[in-house]
Amino acid sequence: MLIRLNKFLAEKGIASRRKSDELIANGKTKVNRKIVTKLGVKIDSEKDRVEVDKKFLAEQPKPIYFLLNKPAGFITSNSPTATEKKIVIDLLPREERIFPVGRLDKNTTGLLILTNDGVLAYRLTHPKFECEKEYEAELAENLTAERVRKIEAGVKLERQTTKPVRVKILGERKAKVILTEGKNRQVRKIFGKVGCEVVSLKRIRVKNLKLGNLRIGEFRNLTEKEVADLLG
């Protein structure tokens, strides 16, 4: 598979894409034993031999895909912070390096994909792909038709109007929300803009992948068909 050299280095954990560009420009990388300094060059990640500072980078690891039903109280991160010690990575096997795709805030539960596949992560998180995500929200206030209308039309967050979302009322204080953006705490914020506090929030779907009956804190491997559907 052809991939930009800087992206390959980033996915191998060598450096960020920007820092990888610096390594390339400074003559620190070799492809098939030849120094490469041209930015934007593409390599075959399965066939080409890549070296950084005379160290050979082994072939890409076998892709791994997990679906986790994230519990509340865990941050979506690979590393704990000074104030947050509980991380989602600790809920899964650690044989291979994996990372969460996108984010769920600390108190949001539900569907979270973890993988070592940067291509899949890119397709599910880059705004241009408009990946659908579905949530169930429980609210502190009644969800009126007027509030739904305002949310579906788009509300202003951080000087930008959100893309229209779809809302299905499940009860006076419960709703399903479908959106294609991934702004920080977006569901909580859009309800807050119309005077509804979100009491609990659970993600139940990403594209065609559904949480199903997976219990809180449990995980499973994705099937080949599920991965293909997510990449499609």
Protein backbone atom coordinates (compact mmCIF):
# COMPACT_ATOMS: atom_id res chain seq x y z
CA MET A 1 0.00 0.00 0.00
CA LEU A 2 1.40 3.40 -0.99
CA ILE A 3 1.63 5.86 1.87
CA ARG A 4 3.42 9.17 2.41
CA LEU A 5 6.72 8.68 4.17
CA ASN A 6 5.91 11.22 6.89
CA LYS A 7 2.61 9.47 7.60
CA PHE A 8 4.40 6.10 7.76
CA LEU A 9 6.89 7.49 10.30
CA ALA A 10 4.07 9.01 12.36
CA GLU A 11 2.13 5.74 12.42
CA LYS A 12 5.29 3.90 13.52
CA GLY A 13 5.50 6.28 16.49
CA ILE A 14 8.77 7.87 15.36
CA ALA A 15 7.50 11.47 15.41
CA SER A 16 4.57 13.67 14.46
CA ARG A 17 4.06 14.33 10.74
CA ARG A 18 5.61 17.79 11.07
CA LYS A 19 8.64 16.43 12.93
CA SER A 20 8.85 13.58 10.43
CA ASP A 21 9.07 16.15 7.64
CA GLU A 22 12.02 17.70 9.48
CA LEU A 23 13.73 14.31 9.74
CA ILE A 24 13.24 13.78 6.00
CA ALA A 25 14.41 17.27 5.02
CA ASN A 26 17.52 16.88 7.19
CA GLY A 27 18.53 13.66 5.46
CA LYS A 28 17.83 11.42 8.44
CA THR A 29 15.72 8.89 6.53
CA LYS A 30 16.56 6.25 3.95
CA VAL A 31 14.25 4.27 1.67
CA ASN A 32 15.81 1.12 0.25
CA ARG A 33 19.24 2.31 1.49
CA LYS A 34 18.99 5.67 -0.31
CA ILE A 35 18.67 8.97 1.56
CA VAL A 36 15.35 10.69 0.90
CA THR A 37 15.02 14.44 1.43
CA LYS A 38 12.05 15.21 -0.80
CA LEU A 39 8.87 15.96 1.13
CA GLY A 40 5.69 14.26 0.01
CA VAL A 41 7.41 11.13 -1.28
CA LYS A 42 5.34 7.95 -1.10
CA ILE A 43 6.55 4.47 -0.20
CA ASP A 44 5.15 0.94 -0.32
CA SER A 45 4.73 0.19 3.39
CA GLU A 46 4.77 -3.57 2.72
CA LYS A 47 7.82 -3.75 0.43
CA ASP A 48 10.11 -0.76 0.94
CA ARG A 49 12.88 -0.80 3.56
CA VAL A 50 12.76 2.36 5.69
CA GLU A 51 15.54 3.54 8.03
CA VAL A 52 15.66 6.48 10.42
CA ASP A 53 19.06 7.44 11.83
CA LYS A 54 20.47 4.10 10.65
CA LYS A 55 17.75 2.13 12.44
CA PHE A 56 15.62 -0.17 10.31
CA LEU A 57 11.85 0.10 10.82
CA ALA A 58 10.21 -3.32 10.68
CA GLU A 59 7.12 -3.91 8.57
CA GLN A 60 3.82 -2.57 9.78
CA PRO A 61 2.21 -4.69 12.52
CA LYS A 62 -0.89 -6.69 11.76
CA PRO A 63 -3.94 -4.40 12.07
CA ILE A 64 -5.94 -4.82 15.28
CA TYR A 65 -9.50 -3.59 15.77
CA PHE A 66 -11.41 -3.54 19.06
CA LEU A 67 -14.90 -2.35 19.92
CA LEU A 68 -15.18 -1.23 23.56
CA ASN A 69 -18.27 -0.26 25.54
CA LYS A 70 -16.56 2.57 27.40
CA PRO A 71 -17.54 3.04 31.05
CA ALA A 72 -17.94 6.46 32.63
CA GLY A 73 -14.98 7.72 34.62
CA PHE A 74 -12.31 6.80 32.04
CA ILE A 75 -10.58 9.33 29.79
CA THR A 76 -10.08 8.53 26.11
CA SER A 77 -6.30 8.54 26.09
CA ASN A 78 -3.23 6.33 25.90
CA SER A 79 -1.60 8.01 28.88
CA PRO A 80 -2.82 9.09 32.32
CA THR A 81 -2.48 12.70 33.42
CA ALA A 82 -1.62 14.23 36.77
CA THR A 83 -5.33 14.39 37.63
CA GLU A 84 -6.81 11.56 35.54
CA LYS A 85 -5.39 8.10 36.16
CA LYS A 86 -8.10 5.90 34.60
CA ILE A 87 -7.58 5.50 30.83
CA VAL A 88 -9.49 3.39 28.30
CA ILE A 89 -6.31 1.64 27.13
CA ASP A 90 -6.11 -0.13 30.48
CA LEU A 91 -9.38 -1.92 29.71
CA LEU A 92 -7.89 -3.84 26.77
CA PRO A 93 -4.96 -6.23 26.11
CA ARG A 94 -1.62 -4.44 25.76
CA GLU A 95 0.32 -6.85 23.52
CA GLU A 96 0.34 -4.33 20.67
CA ARG A 97 0.28 -0.54 20.59
CA ILE A 98 -3.27 0.66 19.96
CA PHE A 99 -5.02 3.99 20.25
CA PRO A 100 -8.63 5.21 20.49
CA VAL A 101 -10.33 6.51 17.35
CA GLY A 102 -11.77 9.92 18.19
CA ARG A 103 -12.84 10.81 21.70
CA LEU A 104 -15.60 10.27 24.20
CA ASP A 105 -15.43 12.58 27.18
CA LYS A 106 -14.83 11.18 30.65
CA ASN A 107 -18.50 10.83 31.59
CA THR A 108 -19.77 9.61 28.21
CA THR A 109 -20.19 5.87 27.74
CA GLY A 110 -20.63 3.58 24.79
CA LEU A 111 -19.07 2.67 21.47
CA LEU A 112 -15.35 3.36 21.17
CA ILE A 113 -13.07 1.86 18.52
CA LEU A 114 -9.42 1.18 19.36
CA THR A 115 -6.91 0.14 16.72
CA ASN A 116 -3.38 0.47 15.38
CA ASP A 117 -4.69 1.29 11.89
CA GLY A 118 -4.06 4.95 11.09
CA VAL A 119 -5.98 4.74 7.81
CA LEU A 120 -9.17 3.62 9.55
CA ALA A 121 -8.76 6.31 12.21
CA TYR A 122 -8.34 8.95 9.50
CA ARG A 123 -11.46 7.87 7.61
CA LEU A 124 -13.58 7.91 10.77
CA THR A 125 -12.37 11.23 12.18
CA HIS A 126 -11.52 13.57 9.29
CA PRO A 127 -14.41 16.01 8.72
CA LYS A 128 -14.43 15.49 4.94
CA PHE A 129 -15.78 11.94 5.34
CA GLU A 130 -18.77 13.11 7.45
CA CYS A 131 -18.86 9.90 9.48
CA GLU A 132 -22.24 9.41 11.17
CA LYS A 133 -22.31 8.92 14.93
CA GLU A 134 -25.43 8.17 16.96
CA TYR A 135 -25.99 8.86 20.66
CA GLU A 136 -28.64 8.32 23.30
CA ALA A 137 -29.01 11.28 25.65
CA GLU A 138 -30.89 11.59 28.93
CA LEU A 139 -31.75 15.18 29.84
CA ALA A 140 -32.53 17.17 32.96
CA GLU A 141 -35.28 19.17 31.19
CA ASN A 142 -38.12 18.32 28.84
CA LEU A 143 -37.18 18.24 25.17
CA THR A 144 -39.78 20.39 23.42
CA ALA A 145 -40.43 20.53 19.68
CA GLU A 146 -38.99 24.05 19.59
CA ARG A 147 -35.76 22.89 21.19
CA VAL A 148 -35.51 20.06 18.68
CA ARG A 149 -36.06 22.47 15.79
CA LYS A 150 -33.22 24.72 16.96
CA ILE A 151 -30.81 21.82 17.41
CA GLU A 152 -31.61 20.30 14.02
CA ALA A 153 -31.12 23.66 12.31
CA GLY A 154 -27.63 24.02 13.82
CA VAL A 155 -26.44 26.10 16.77
CA LYS A 156 -23.42 28.36 17.10
CA LEU A 157 -20.46 26.88 18.97
CA GLU A 158 -17.16 28.71 19.20
CA ARG A 159 -18.11 31.17 16.43
CA GLN A 160 -19.15 28.39 14.05
CA THR A 161 -22.61 27.02 13.37
CA THR A 162 -22.81 23.26 13.76
CA LYS A 163 -23.91 21.17 10.82
CA PRO A 164 -27.57 20.12 11.03
CA VAL A 165 -28.17 17.09 13.23
CA ARG A 166 -31.08 14.67 13.46
CA VAL A 167 -32.96 14.28 16.73
CA LYS A 168 -35.49 11.59 17.59
CA ILE A 169 -37.48 12.09 20.79
CA LEU A 170 -37.67 8.89 22.84
CA GLY A 171 -39.44 10.47 25.79
CA GLU A 172 -39.87 13.84 27.48
CA ARG A 173 -36.28 13.76 28.66
CA LYS A 174 -34.64 11.22 26.36
CA ALA A 175 -33.54 11.45 22.74
CA LYS A 176 -31.41 9.94 20.01
CA VAL A 177 -29.01 12.28 18.24
CA ILE A 178 -27.25 11.65 14.93
CA LEU A 179 -24.44 13.94 13.77
CA THR A 180 -21.49 13.91 11.39
CA GLU A 181 -19.14 16.27 13.24
CA GLY A 182 -16.82 15.48 16.11
CA LYS A 183 -16.31 18.73 17.99
CA ASN A 184 -15.28 18.52 21.64
CA ARG A 185 -18.30 17.66 23.83
CA GLN A 186 -20.55 18.64 20.92
CA VAL A 187 -23.73 16.79 21.96
CA ARG A 188 -23.61 18.22 25.47
CA LYS A 189 -22.95 21.71 24.14
CA ILE A 190 -25.73 21.77 21.54
CA PHE A 191 -28.29 20.69 24.12
CA GLY A 192 -26.89 23.26 26.52
CA LYS A 193 -27.46 25.96 23.90
CA VAL A 194 -31.22 25.27 24.01
CA GLY A 195 -31.40 25.05 27.80
CA CYS A 196 -31.19 21.27 28.23
CA GLU A 197 -28.52 19.78 30.48
CA VAL A 198 -27.33 16.31 29.46
CA VAL A 199 -27.50 13.99 32.45
CA SER A 200 -26.05 10.94 30.70
CA LEU A 201 -24.78 10.28 27.19
CA LYS A 202 -24.05 7.02 25.39
CA ARG A 203 -22.74 6.50 21.86
CA ILE A 204 -24.51 3.56 20.22
CA ARG A 205 -23.36 3.68 16.59
CA VAL A 206 -20.50 4.78 14.31
CA LYS A 207 -21.40 4.46 10.59
CA ASN A 208 -22.89 0.93 10.33
CA LEU A 209 -21.17 -0.37 13.46
CA LYS A 210 -23.56 -0.71 16.41
CA LEU A 211 -22.79 -1.17 20.10
CA GLY A 212 -25.41 -3.92 20.38
CA ASN A 213 -25.64 -5.79 23.66
CA LEU A 214 -21.98 -5.43 24.64
CA ARG A 215 -21.91 -4.75 28.36
CA ILE A 216 -20.23 -1.75 30.00
CA GLY A 217 -16.47 -2.28 30.19
CA GLU A 218 -16.51 -5.24 27.80
CA PHE A 219 -14.79 -5.36 24.42
CA ARG A 220 -14.57 -7.57 21.35
CA ASN A 221 -12.67 -7.80 18.08
CA LEU A 222 -14.27 -6.35 14.97
CA THR A 223 -15.06 -8.76 12.15
CA GLU A 224 -13.49 -8.40 8.71
CA LYS A 225 -16.86 -7.28 7.32
CA GLU A 226 -17.25 -4.62 10.02
CA VAL A 227 -13.79 -3.24 9.25
CA ALA A 228 -14.53 -3.24 5.51
CA ASP A 229 -17.80 -1.39 6.11
CA LEU A 230 -16.03 1.24 8.23
CA LEU A 231 -13.40 1.75 5.54
CA GLY A 232 -16.01 1.87 2.77
